[in-house]
């Protein structure tokens, strides 16, 4: 009788040990996936920073054009200030919305600036402007790739924390779903172009 009790205690201890080891392994895996998401978001921010670093030179070059609309330049400057004020360091939904909204506004302002500057004969011949325009276009492509990579990392992480038994470990250890990058409403439609 006594040996049955001992065997029962040993079995329970082994089950607890196995569950604990499995829980630790799952938690470590979640931590690795969360770090991948964080690194992917840092890549997005690095590309936004690259774009921000091009803006002062672009604005300076455009300001030298006498016929340029100052309101467009000011809208870029205001959007750039809004981006600096928005924090994208926190991956919460509210923080992401504010940061990405400010980045979209900056992208829109830059688009207006580039559209108007393409029509300026004075700017069209400036090599520095052409170089900045090419760099900005390349950076916008890098931003799109960084968004895609971030969303891929988020999808893997979010999928993992929703599956059993990982969802239990995630809930017990404070892992929560992370908000992916979402295009703004209407982005799937091509803009109307007057020819």
N, C-alpha and C. Protein backbone atom coordinates (compact mmCIF):
# COMPACT_ATOMS: atom_id res chain seq x y z
N UNK A 1 0.82 -1.19 0.00
CA UNK A 1 0.00 0.00 0.00
C UNK A 1 0.86 1.25 0.00
N UNK A 2 1.91 1.15 0.78
CA UNK A 2 2.78 2.29 0.90
C UNK A 2 3.51 2.58 -0.42
N UNK A 3 3.87 1.54 -1.13
CA UNK A 3 4.59 1.73 -2.39
C UNK A 3 3.67 2.33 -3.45
N UNK A 4 2.36 2.03 -3.41
CA UNK A 4 1.42 2.63 -4.36
C UNK A 4 1.32 4.14 -4.14
N UNK A 5 1.32 4.56 -2.90
CA UNK A 5 1.29 5.99 -2.59
C UNK A 5 2.55 6.69 -3.06
N UNK A 6 3.68 6.01 -2.86
CA UNK A 6 4.95 6.57 -3.30
C UNK A 6 5.00 6.69 -4.82
N UNK A 7 4.53 5.66 -5.51
CA UNK A 7 4.49 5.68 -6.98
C UNK A 7 3.57 6.80 -7.46
N UNK A 8 2.43 6.97 -6.80
CA UNK A 8 1.50 8.05 -7.16
C UNK A 8 2.14 9.42 -7.01
N UNK A 9 2.86 9.63 -5.90
CA UNK A 9 3.54 10.91 -5.66
C UNK A 9 4.60 11.14 -6.73
N UNK A 10 5.36 10.09 -7.05
CA UNK A 10 6.41 10.21 -8.08
C UNK A 10 5.79 10.54 -9.43
N UNK A 11 4.69 9.88 -9.78
CA UNK A 11 4.03 10.16 -11.05
C UNK A 11 3.51 11.59 -11.11
N UNK A 12 2.91 12.04 -10.03
CA UNK A 12 2.42 13.43 -9.98
C UNK A 12 3.60 14.40 -10.11
N UNK A 13 4.69 14.10 -9.41
CA UNK A 13 5.88 14.97 -9.49
C UNK A 13 6.43 14.99 -10.91
N UNK A 14 6.45 13.84 -11.57
CA UNK A 14 6.93 13.79 -12.96
C UNK A 14 6.02 14.57 -13.90
N UNK A 15 4.72 14.47 -13.69
CA UNK A 15 3.77 15.24 -14.50
C UNK A 15 3.95 16.74 -14.30
N UNK A 16 4.11 17.15 -13.06
CA UNK A 16 4.34 18.57 -12.75
C UNK A 16 5.65 19.04 -13.38
N UNK A 17 6.68 18.21 -13.27
CA UNK A 17 7.98 18.55 -13.86
C UNK A 17 7.88 18.66 -15.38
N UNK A 18 7.18 17.70 -16.01
CA UNK A 18 7.01 17.73 -17.47
C UNK A 18 6.22 18.97 -17.89
N UNK A 19 5.15 19.29 -17.16
CA UNK A 19 4.36 20.48 -17.47
C UNK A 19 5.19 21.74 -17.29
N UNK A 20 5.99 21.79 -16.23
CA UNK A 20 6.85 22.95 -16.00
C UNK A 20 7.88 23.12 -17.09
N UNK A 21 8.51 22.02 -17.50
CA UNK A 21 9.51 22.09 -18.59
C UNK A 21 8.86 22.52 -19.90
N UNK A 22 7.68 21.97 -20.18
CA UNK A 22 6.96 22.36 -21.40
C UNK A 22 6.58 23.83 -21.35
N UNK A 23 6.10 24.28 -20.20
CA UNK A 23 5.76 25.70 -20.03
C UNK A 23 6.96 26.61 -20.24
N UNK A 24 8.10 26.21 -19.70
CA UNK A 24 9.33 27.01 -19.88
C UNK A 24 9.75 27.04 -21.34
N UNK A 25 9.65 25.91 -22.01
CA UNK A 25 10.02 25.85 -23.42
C UNK A 25 9.09 26.73 -24.26
N UNK A 26 7.80 26.67 -23.98
CA UNK A 26 6.83 27.50 -24.70
C UNK A 26 7.11 28.98 -24.44
N UNK A 27 7.35 29.34 -23.18
CA UNK A 27 7.62 30.74 -22.85
C UNK A 27 8.88 31.23 -23.55
N UNK A 28 9.93 30.43 -23.58
CA UNK A 28 11.15 30.82 -24.27
C UNK A 28 10.92 31.00 -25.77
N UNK A 29 10.12 30.14 -26.34
CA UNK A 29 9.79 30.25 -27.76
C UNK A 29 8.99 31.52 -28.04
N UNK A 30 8.04 31.84 -27.16
CA UNK A 30 7.26 33.07 -27.31
C UNK A 30 8.15 34.30 -27.18
N UNK A 31 9.09 34.25 -26.26
CA UNK A 31 10.02 35.37 -26.10
C UNK A 31 10.83 35.57 -27.38
N UNK A 32 11.28 34.49 -27.98
CA UNK A 32 12.03 34.60 -29.24
C UNK A 32 11.17 35.19 -30.35
N UNK A 33 9.92 34.75 -30.44
CA UNK A 33 9.03 35.29 -31.47
C UNK A 33 8.70 36.76 -31.21
N UNK A 34 8.54 37.12 -29.94
CA UNK A 34 8.27 38.51 -29.60
C UNK A 34 9.48 39.38 -29.96
N UNK A 35 10.67 38.87 -29.75
CA UNK A 35 11.89 39.61 -30.13
C UNK A 35 11.98 39.78 -31.64
N UNK A 36 11.55 38.78 -32.40
CA UNK A 36 11.52 38.90 -33.85
C UNK A 36 10.57 40.02 -34.27
N UNK A 37 9.42 40.10 -33.62
CA UNK A 37 8.47 41.18 -33.90
C UNK A 37 9.11 42.53 -33.57
N UNK A 38 9.77 42.62 -32.42
CA UNK A 38 10.41 43.87 -32.01
C UNK A 38 11.50 44.27 -33.00
N UNK A 39 12.30 43.32 -33.44
CA UNK A 39 13.35 43.61 -34.44
C UNK A 39 12.73 44.06 -35.76
N UNK A 40 11.65 43.40 -36.15
CA UNK A 40 10.98 43.77 -37.40
C UNK A 40 10.42 45.19 -37.31
N UNK A 41 9.88 45.55 -36.16
CA UNK A 41 9.36 46.91 -35.97
C UNK A 41 10.52 47.91 -35.98
N UNK A 42 11.64 47.53 -35.40
CA UNK A 42 12.82 48.41 -35.42
C UNK A 42 13.28 48.64 -36.86
N UNK A 43 13.16 47.64 -37.71
CA UNK A 43 13.50 47.81 -39.13
C UNK A 43 12.56 48.80 -39.80
N UNK A 44 11.26 48.73 -39.46
CA UNK A 44 10.30 49.69 -40.00
C UNK A 44 10.70 51.10 -39.56
N UNK A 45 10.99 51.26 -38.27
CA UNK A 45 11.37 52.58 -37.76
C UNK A 45 12.67 53.07 -38.40
N UNK A 46 13.60 52.17 -38.66
CA UNK A 46 14.86 52.58 -39.29
C UNK A 46 14.61 53.12 -40.70
N UNK A 47 13.68 52.51 -41.41
CA UNK A 47 13.38 53.01 -42.76
C UNK A 47 12.64 54.35 -42.69
N UNK A 48 11.75 54.49 -41.71
CA UNK A 48 11.11 55.80 -41.53
C UNK A 48 12.17 56.85 -41.17
N UNK A 49 13.14 56.48 -40.35
CA UNK A 49 14.21 57.41 -39.99
C UNK A 49 15.04 57.78 -41.21
N UNK A 50 15.30 56.81 -42.06
CA UNK A 50 16.04 57.08 -43.31
C UNK A 50 15.28 58.11 -44.13
N UNK A 51 13.95 57.95 -44.22
CA UNK A 51 13.15 58.92 -44.96
C UNK A 51 13.23 60.29 -44.29
N UNK A 52 13.13 60.30 -42.96
CA UNK A 52 13.20 61.57 -42.23
C UNK A 52 14.53 62.27 -42.45
N UNK A 53 15.60 61.50 -42.57
CA UNK A 53 16.92 62.10 -42.80
C UNK A 53 17.04 62.74 -44.17
N UNK A 54 16.26 62.29 -45.13
CA UNK A 54 16.29 62.87 -46.48
C UNK A 54 15.50 64.17 -46.57
N UNK A 55 14.53 64.34 -45.69
CA UNK A 55 13.59 65.46 -45.80
C UNK A 55 14.27 66.83 -45.70
N UNK A 56 15.17 67.08 -44.74
CA UNK A 56 15.78 68.42 -44.68
C UNK A 56 16.49 68.81 -45.98
N UNK A 57 17.23 67.88 -46.58
CA UNK A 57 17.90 68.19 -47.84
C UNK A 57 16.91 68.42 -48.97
N UNK A 58 15.85 67.62 -48.99
CA UNK A 58 14.83 67.78 -50.01
C UNK A 58 14.14 69.14 -49.88
N UNK A 59 13.74 69.48 -48.67
CA UNK A 59 13.08 70.77 -48.43
C UNK A 59 14.02 71.92 -48.76
N UNK A 60 15.27 71.81 -48.37
CA UNK A 60 16.25 72.85 -48.66
C UNK A 60 16.42 73.05 -50.16
N UNK A 61 16.49 71.97 -50.89
CA UNK A 61 16.63 72.04 -52.35
C UNK A 61 15.40 72.67 -52.98
N UNK A 62 14.23 72.28 -52.51
CA UNK A 62 12.98 72.80 -53.07
C UNK A 62 12.80 74.27 -52.73
N UNK A 63 13.21 74.68 -51.53
CA UNK A 63 13.06 76.09 -51.12
C UNK A 63 13.83 77.03 -52.04
N UNK A 64 14.90 76.53 -52.63
CA UNK A 64 15.69 77.38 -53.53
C UNK A 64 14.96 77.69 -54.82
N UNK A 65 13.94 76.91 -55.13
CA UNK A 65 13.16 77.17 -56.33
C UNK A 65 12.22 78.33 -56.04
N UNK A 66 12.34 79.38 -56.80
CA UNK A 66 11.58 80.61 -56.52
C UNK A 66 10.09 80.45 -56.73
N UNK A 67 9.70 79.59 -57.64
CA UNK A 67 8.28 79.49 -57.99
C UNK A 67 7.54 78.43 -57.17
N UNK A 68 8.15 77.98 -56.10
CA UNK A 68 7.56 76.86 -55.39
C UNK A 68 6.56 77.31 -54.33
N UNK A 69 5.47 76.55 -54.19
CA UNK A 69 4.40 76.85 -53.24
C UNK A 69 4.89 76.61 -51.81
N UNK A 70 4.98 77.67 -51.04
CA UNK A 70 5.47 77.57 -49.66
C UNK A 70 4.53 76.77 -48.76
N UNK A 71 3.26 76.76 -49.09
CA UNK A 71 2.29 76.02 -48.28
C UNK A 71 2.59 74.51 -48.30
N UNK A 72 3.03 74.02 -49.43
CA UNK A 72 3.38 72.60 -49.55
C UNK A 72 4.59 72.30 -48.68
N UNK A 73 5.58 73.19 -48.71
CA UNK A 73 6.78 73.00 -47.89
C UNK A 73 6.41 73.01 -46.41
N UNK A 74 5.53 73.93 -46.02
CA UNK A 74 5.11 74.01 -44.62
C UNK A 74 4.32 72.77 -44.19
N UNK A 75 3.55 72.19 -45.11
CA UNK A 75 2.80 70.98 -44.75
C UNK A 75 3.76 69.82 -44.48
N UNK A 76 4.87 69.76 -45.23
CA UNK A 76 5.88 68.72 -44.99
C UNK A 76 6.53 68.95 -43.63
N UNK A 77 6.86 70.21 -43.34
CA UNK A 77 7.50 70.53 -42.05
C UNK A 77 6.56 70.20 -40.88
N UNK A 78 5.28 70.53 -41.02
CA UNK A 78 4.32 70.23 -39.96
C UNK A 78 4.15 68.71 -39.78
N UNK A 79 4.10 67.99 -40.88
CA UNK A 79 3.97 66.53 -40.80
C UNK A 79 5.21 65.91 -40.18
N UNK A 80 6.36 66.47 -40.49
CA UNK A 80 7.61 65.96 -39.91
C UNK A 80 7.63 66.17 -38.39
N UNK A 81 7.14 67.34 -37.95
CA UNK A 81 7.05 67.59 -36.50
C UNK A 81 6.09 66.61 -35.83
N UNK A 82 4.97 66.33 -36.49
CA UNK A 82 3.99 65.38 -35.93
C UNK A 82 4.60 63.99 -35.80
N UNK A 83 5.43 63.60 -36.75
CA UNK A 83 6.10 62.29 -36.67
C UNK A 83 7.05 62.26 -35.49
N UNK A 84 7.80 63.35 -35.30
CA UNK A 84 8.73 63.39 -34.16
C UNK A 84 8.00 63.32 -32.83
N UNK A 85 6.79 63.90 -32.77
CA UNK A 85 6.02 63.89 -31.53
C UNK A 85 5.35 62.54 -31.27
N UNK A 86 5.08 61.79 -32.33
CA UNK A 86 4.43 60.48 -32.17
C UNK A 86 5.49 59.45 -31.80
N UNK A 87 5.13 58.58 -30.88
CA UNK A 87 6.07 57.54 -30.45
C UNK A 87 5.64 56.21 -31.03
N UNK A 88 6.55 55.56 -31.72
CA UNK A 88 6.26 54.24 -32.24
C UNK A 88 7.01 53.16 -31.49
N UNK A 89 7.52 53.52 -30.31
CA UNK A 89 8.33 52.56 -29.55
C UNK A 89 7.48 51.49 -28.89
N UNK A 90 6.27 51.84 -28.55
CA UNK A 90 5.35 50.92 -27.87
C UNK A 90 4.53 50.21 -28.95
N UNK A 91 4.42 48.91 -28.89
CA UNK A 91 3.69 48.17 -29.91
C UNK A 91 2.20 48.03 -29.60
N UNK A 92 1.68 48.90 -28.72
CA UNK A 92 0.25 48.84 -28.41
C UNK A 92 -0.54 49.39 -29.60
N UNK A 93 -1.81 49.01 -29.67
CA UNK A 93 -2.65 49.42 -30.79
C UNK A 93 -2.77 50.94 -30.89
N UNK A 94 -2.96 51.62 -29.77
CA UNK A 94 -3.12 53.08 -29.79
C UNK A 94 -1.84 53.77 -30.24
N UNK A 95 -0.72 53.32 -29.73
CA UNK A 95 0.57 53.90 -30.11
C UNK A 95 0.84 53.69 -31.60
N UNK A 96 0.56 52.49 -32.08
CA UNK A 96 0.78 52.17 -33.49
C UNK A 96 -0.10 53.04 -34.38
N UNK A 97 -1.37 53.21 -34.00
CA UNK A 97 -2.28 54.03 -34.81
C UNK A 97 -1.77 55.45 -34.92
N UNK A 98 -1.36 56.04 -33.79
CA UNK A 98 -0.87 57.41 -33.81
C UNK A 98 0.40 57.56 -34.62
N UNK A 99 1.32 56.65 -34.43
CA UNK A 99 2.60 56.71 -35.14
C UNK A 99 2.41 56.53 -36.65
N UNK A 100 1.63 55.52 -37.02
CA UNK A 100 1.43 55.25 -38.44
C UNK A 100 0.59 56.34 -39.10
N UNK A 101 -0.34 56.92 -38.37
CA UNK A 101 -1.12 58.03 -38.91
C UNK A 101 -0.21 59.22 -39.21
N UNK A 102 0.70 59.52 -38.30
CA UNK A 102 1.65 60.62 -38.53
C UNK A 102 2.56 60.30 -39.71
N UNK A 103 2.99 59.05 -39.82
CA UNK A 103 3.85 58.66 -40.95
C UNK A 103 3.09 58.75 -42.27
N UNK A 104 1.82 58.36 -42.27
CA UNK A 104 1.01 58.46 -43.50
C UNK A 104 0.85 59.92 -43.92
N UNK A 105 0.62 60.78 -42.95
CA UNK A 105 0.47 62.21 -43.26
C UNK A 105 1.77 62.75 -43.84
N UNK A 106 2.89 62.35 -43.28
CA UNK A 106 4.17 62.78 -43.83
C UNK A 106 4.36 62.26 -45.24
N UNK A 107 4.01 61.00 -45.47
CA UNK A 107 4.11 60.42 -46.82
C UNK A 107 3.24 61.16 -47.81
N UNK A 108 2.04 61.52 -47.37
CA UNK A 108 1.12 62.27 -48.23
C UNK A 108 1.67 63.66 -48.55
N UNK A 109 2.21 64.33 -47.53
CA UNK A 109 2.80 65.66 -47.74
C UNK A 109 4.00 65.58 -48.68
N UNK A 110 4.82 64.56 -48.49
CA UNK A 110 5.97 64.38 -49.39
C UNK A 110 5.50 64.11 -50.82
N UNK A 111 4.42 63.35 -50.96
CA UNK A 111 3.87 63.08 -52.28
C UNK A 111 3.43 64.36 -52.97
N UNK A 112 2.76 65.26 -52.22
CA UNK A 112 2.35 66.55 -52.80
C UNK A 112 3.57 67.38 -53.18
N UNK A 113 4.58 67.36 -52.31
CA UNK A 113 5.81 68.11 -52.59
C UNK A 113 6.47 67.59 -53.86
N UNK A 114 6.57 66.29 -53.99
CA UNK A 114 7.20 65.71 -55.18
C UNK A 114 6.37 65.94 -56.43
N UNK A 115 5.05 65.84 -56.31
CA UNK A 115 4.19 66.10 -57.47
C UNK A 115 4.38 67.52 -57.99
N UNK A 116 4.38 68.46 -57.07
CA UNK A 116 4.55 69.86 -57.48
C UNK A 116 5.96 70.12 -58.01
N UNK A 117 6.94 69.51 -57.38
CA UNK A 117 8.32 69.77 -57.80
C UNK A 117 8.63 69.15 -59.16
N UNK A 118 7.93 68.09 -59.53
CA UNK A 118 8.13 67.50 -60.86
C UNK A 118 7.71 68.46 -61.97
N UNK A 119 6.81 69.37 -61.64
CA UNK A 119 6.32 70.32 -62.63
C UNK A 119 7.18 71.58 -62.70
N UNK A 120 8.12 71.69 -61.80
CA UNK A 120 9.00 72.86 -61.79
C UNK A 120 10.19 72.62 -62.71
N UNK A 121 10.30 73.46 -63.74
CA UNK A 121 11.43 73.35 -64.67
C UNK A 121 12.75 73.58 -63.95
N UNK A 122 12.71 74.50 -63.01
CA UNK A 122 13.92 74.84 -62.26
C UNK A 122 14.43 73.64 -61.47
N UNK A 123 13.53 72.91 -60.82
CA UNK A 123 13.93 71.75 -60.02
C UNK A 123 14.25 70.53 -60.88
N UNK A 124 13.57 70.40 -62.00
CA UNK A 124 13.78 69.23 -62.85
C UNK A 124 15.22 69.12 -63.32
N UNK A 125 15.89 70.24 -63.42
CA UNK A 125 17.27 70.23 -63.91
C UNK A 125 18.31 70.13 -62.79
N UNK A 126 17.87 70.18 -61.54
CA UNK A 126 18.81 70.13 -60.41
C UNK A 126 19.15 68.67 -60.10
N UNK A 127 20.42 68.33 -60.25
CA UNK A 127 20.86 66.95 -60.04
C UNK A 127 20.65 66.49 -58.60
N UNK A 128 20.88 67.38 -57.65
CA UNK A 128 20.70 67.03 -56.24
C UNK A 128 19.24 66.65 -55.97
N UNK A 129 18.32 67.38 -56.59
CA UNK A 129 16.90 67.07 -56.41
C UNK A 129 16.58 65.70 -56.99
N UNK A 130 17.08 65.42 -58.17
CA UNK A 130 16.84 64.12 -58.80
C UNK A 130 17.38 62.98 -57.93
N UNK A 131 18.57 63.19 -57.38
CA UNK A 131 19.18 62.18 -56.51
C UNK A 131 18.33 61.95 -55.26
N UNK A 132 17.88 63.04 -54.64
CA UNK A 132 17.04 62.93 -53.44
C UNK A 132 15.72 62.24 -53.77
N UNK A 133 15.16 62.57 -54.91
CA UNK A 133 13.91 61.96 -55.32
C UNK A 133 14.09 60.45 -55.50
N UNK A 134 15.18 60.04 -56.11
CA UNK A 134 15.47 58.61 -56.29
C UNK A 134 15.67 57.91 -54.94
N UNK A 135 16.40 58.58 -54.04
CA UNK A 135 16.63 57.99 -52.71
C UNK A 135 15.32 57.85 -51.94
N UNK A 136 14.47 58.85 -52.06
CA UNK A 136 13.18 58.81 -51.38
C UNK A 136 12.30 57.69 -51.93
N UNK A 137 12.32 57.51 -53.23
CA UNK A 137 11.55 56.43 -53.84
C UNK A 137 12.05 55.07 -53.35
N UNK A 138 13.37 54.91 -53.30
CA UNK A 138 13.95 53.67 -52.79
C UNK A 138 13.58 53.43 -51.34
N UNK A 139 13.57 54.50 -50.56
CA UNK A 139 13.22 54.38 -49.15
C UNK A 139 11.76 53.98 -48.98
N UNK A 140 10.89 54.54 -49.79
CA UNK A 140 9.47 54.16 -49.72
C UNK A 140 9.30 52.67 -50.03
N UNK A 141 10.08 52.16 -50.97
CA UNK A 141 10.04 50.72 -51.26
C UNK A 141 10.54 49.91 -50.07
N UNK A 142 11.60 50.40 -49.42
CA UNK A 142 12.13 49.70 -48.24
C UNK A 142 11.12 49.71 -47.09
N UNK A 143 10.39 50.81 -46.96
CA UNK A 143 9.35 50.89 -45.93
C UNK A 143 8.27 49.84 -46.19
N UNK A 144 7.87 49.70 -47.45
CA UNK A 144 6.85 48.69 -47.79
C UNK A 144 7.34 47.28 -47.46
N UNK A 145 8.60 46.99 -47.77
CA UNK A 145 9.16 45.67 -47.46
C UNK A 145 9.23 45.47 -45.94
N UNK A 146 9.64 46.51 -45.21
CA UNK A 146 9.73 46.41 -43.75
C UNK A 146 8.35 46.18 -43.15
N UNK A 147 7.32 46.85 -43.68
CA UNK A 147 5.94 46.62 -43.21
C UNK A 147 5.55 45.16 -43.45
N UNK A 148 5.86 44.64 -44.62
CA UNK A 148 5.52 43.26 -44.93
C UNK A 148 6.21 42.29 -43.97
N UNK A 149 7.50 42.51 -43.73
CA UNK A 149 8.26 41.64 -42.82
C UNK A 149 7.72 41.73 -41.40
N UNK A 150 7.36 42.94 -40.97
CA UNK A 150 6.79 43.12 -39.64
C UNK A 150 5.47 42.36 -39.52
N UNK A 151 4.60 42.51 -40.51
CA UNK A 151 3.31 41.82 -40.47
C UNK A 151 3.49 40.31 -40.47
N UNK A 152 4.48 39.82 -41.18
CA UNK A 152 4.75 38.38 -41.19
C UNK A 152 5.17 37.90 -39.80
N UNK A 153 6.04 38.67 -39.14
CA UNK A 153 6.47 38.32 -37.78
C UNK A 153 5.31 38.39 -36.80
N UNK A 154 4.47 39.42 -36.92
CA UNK A 154 3.31 39.57 -36.04
C UNK A 154 2.32 38.42 -36.25
N UNK A 155 2.09 38.06 -37.51
CA UNK A 155 1.14 36.97 -37.79
C UNK A 155 1.62 35.66 -37.16
N UNK A 156 2.91 35.38 -37.27
CA UNK A 156 3.45 34.16 -36.66
C UNK A 156 3.30 34.17 -35.15
N UNK A 157 3.62 35.31 -34.54
CA UNK A 157 3.52 35.45 -33.09
C UNK A 157 2.06 35.34 -32.63
N UNK A 158 1.17 36.12 -33.26
CA UNK A 158 -0.24 36.12 -32.85
C UNK A 158 -0.87 34.74 -33.05
N UNK A 159 -0.52 34.08 -34.13
CA UNK A 159 -1.04 32.73 -34.37
C UNK A 159 -0.58 31.78 -33.27
N UNK A 160 0.66 31.92 -32.89
CA UNK A 160 1.22 31.02 -31.87
C UNK A 160 0.55 31.21 -30.51
N UNK A 161 0.30 32.46 -30.11
CA UNK A 161 -0.27 32.66 -28.77
C UNK A 161 -1.75 32.30 -28.70
N UNK A 162 -2.37 32.03 -29.83
CA UNK A 162 -3.78 31.64 -29.83
C UNK A 162 -3.97 30.13 -29.81
N UNK A 163 -2.90 29.37 -30.03
CA UNK A 163 -3.01 27.91 -30.10
C UNK A 163 -2.80 27.27 -28.73
N UNK A 164 -3.49 26.15 -28.53
CA UNK A 164 -3.35 25.39 -27.29
C UNK A 164 -2.09 24.54 -27.39
N UNK A 165 -1.32 24.39 -26.37
CA UNK A 165 -1.39 24.90 -25.01
C UNK A 165 -0.68 26.24 -24.83
N UNK A 166 -0.15 26.77 -25.94
CA UNK A 166 0.60 28.02 -25.85
C UNK A 166 -0.27 29.15 -25.31
N UNK A 167 -1.56 29.15 -25.65
CA UNK A 167 -2.43 30.22 -25.17
C UNK A 167 -2.50 30.27 -23.65
N UNK A 168 -2.41 29.11 -23.01
CA UNK A 168 -2.44 29.07 -21.54
C UNK A 168 -1.17 29.69 -20.98
N UNK A 169 -0.03 29.27 -21.51
CA UNK A 169 1.25 29.81 -21.05
C UNK A 169 1.31 31.31 -21.34
N UNK A 170 0.84 31.73 -22.52
CA UNK A 170 0.85 33.15 -22.88
C UNK A 170 0.02 33.96 -21.91
N UNK A 171 -1.17 33.48 -21.57
CA UNK A 171 -2.04 34.19 -20.64
C UNK A 171 -1.41 34.27 -19.25
N UNK A 172 -0.77 33.20 -18.82
CA UNK A 172 -0.17 33.17 -17.48
C UNK A 172 1.09 34.02 -17.38
N UNK A 173 1.78 34.20 -18.49
CA UNK A 173 3.07 34.92 -18.45
C UNK A 173 3.02 36.30 -19.08
N UNK A 174 1.83 36.78 -19.45
CA UNK A 174 1.68 38.17 -19.89
C UNK A 174 1.94 38.44 -21.36
N UNK A 175 1.89 37.44 -22.20
CA UNK A 175 2.03 37.67 -23.64
C UNK A 175 0.67 38.00 -24.22
N UNK A 176 0.61 39.07 -25.02
CA UNK A 176 -0.65 39.52 -25.61
C UNK A 176 -0.48 39.66 -27.12
N UNK A 177 -1.60 39.67 -27.82
CA UNK A 177 -1.57 39.85 -29.27
C UNK A 177 -0.97 41.22 -29.60
N UNK A 178 -0.28 41.30 -30.72
CA UNK A 178 0.34 42.55 -31.17
C UNK A 178 -0.39 43.00 -32.42
N UNK A 179 -0.58 44.31 -32.55
CA UNK A 179 -1.30 44.88 -33.68
C UNK A 179 -0.43 44.89 -34.93
N UNK A 180 -0.91 44.32 -36.02
CA UNK A 180 -0.15 44.40 -37.27
C UNK A 180 -0.34 45.75 -37.93
N UNK A 181 0.53 46.04 -38.89
CA UNK A 181 0.37 47.24 -39.70
C UNK A 181 -0.83 47.03 -40.61
N UNK A 182 -1.70 48.02 -40.69
CA UNK A 182 -2.85 47.94 -41.57
C UNK A 182 -2.86 49.16 -42.47
N UNK A 183 -3.11 48.94 -43.74
CA UNK A 183 -3.20 50.05 -44.68
C UNK A 183 -4.44 50.87 -44.33
N UNK A 184 -4.39 52.15 -44.65
CA UNK A 184 -5.53 52.99 -44.35
C UNK A 184 -6.70 52.65 -45.26
N UNK A 185 -7.89 53.00 -44.83
CA UNK A 185 -9.10 52.71 -45.60
C UNK A 185 -9.00 53.34 -46.98
N UNK A 186 -9.37 52.58 -48.00
CA UNK A 186 -9.34 53.09 -49.36
C UNK A 186 -8.00 52.93 -50.06
N UNK A 187 -7.01 52.39 -49.36
CA UNK A 187 -5.67 52.26 -49.95
C UNK A 187 -5.64 51.23 -51.07
N UNK A 188 -6.63 50.34 -51.09
CA UNK A 188 -6.65 49.32 -52.13
C UNK A 188 -7.07 49.88 -53.49
N UNK A 189 -7.66 51.08 -53.51
CA UNK A 189 -8.09 51.71 -54.76
C UNK A 189 -6.97 52.59 -55.30
N UNK A 190 -6.75 52.52 -56.57
CA UNK A 190 -5.76 53.39 -57.21
C UNK A 190 -6.32 54.81 -57.25
N UNK A 191 -5.46 55.82 -57.06
CA UNK A 191 -5.95 57.19 -57.11
C UNK A 191 -6.37 57.58 -58.52
N UNK A 192 -7.31 58.52 -58.60
CA UNK A 192 -7.73 59.04 -59.90
C UNK A 192 -6.65 59.97 -60.42
N UNK A 193 -6.32 59.82 -61.69
CA UNK A 193 -5.29 60.65 -62.30
C UNK A 193 -5.89 61.36 -63.49
N UNK A 194 -5.76 62.68 -63.52
CA UNK A 194 -6.23 63.46 -64.67
C UNK A 194 -5.13 63.50 -65.71
N UNK A 195 -5.42 63.00 -66.88
CA UNK A 195 -4.43 63.01 -67.97
C UNK A 195 -4.75 64.08 -68.97
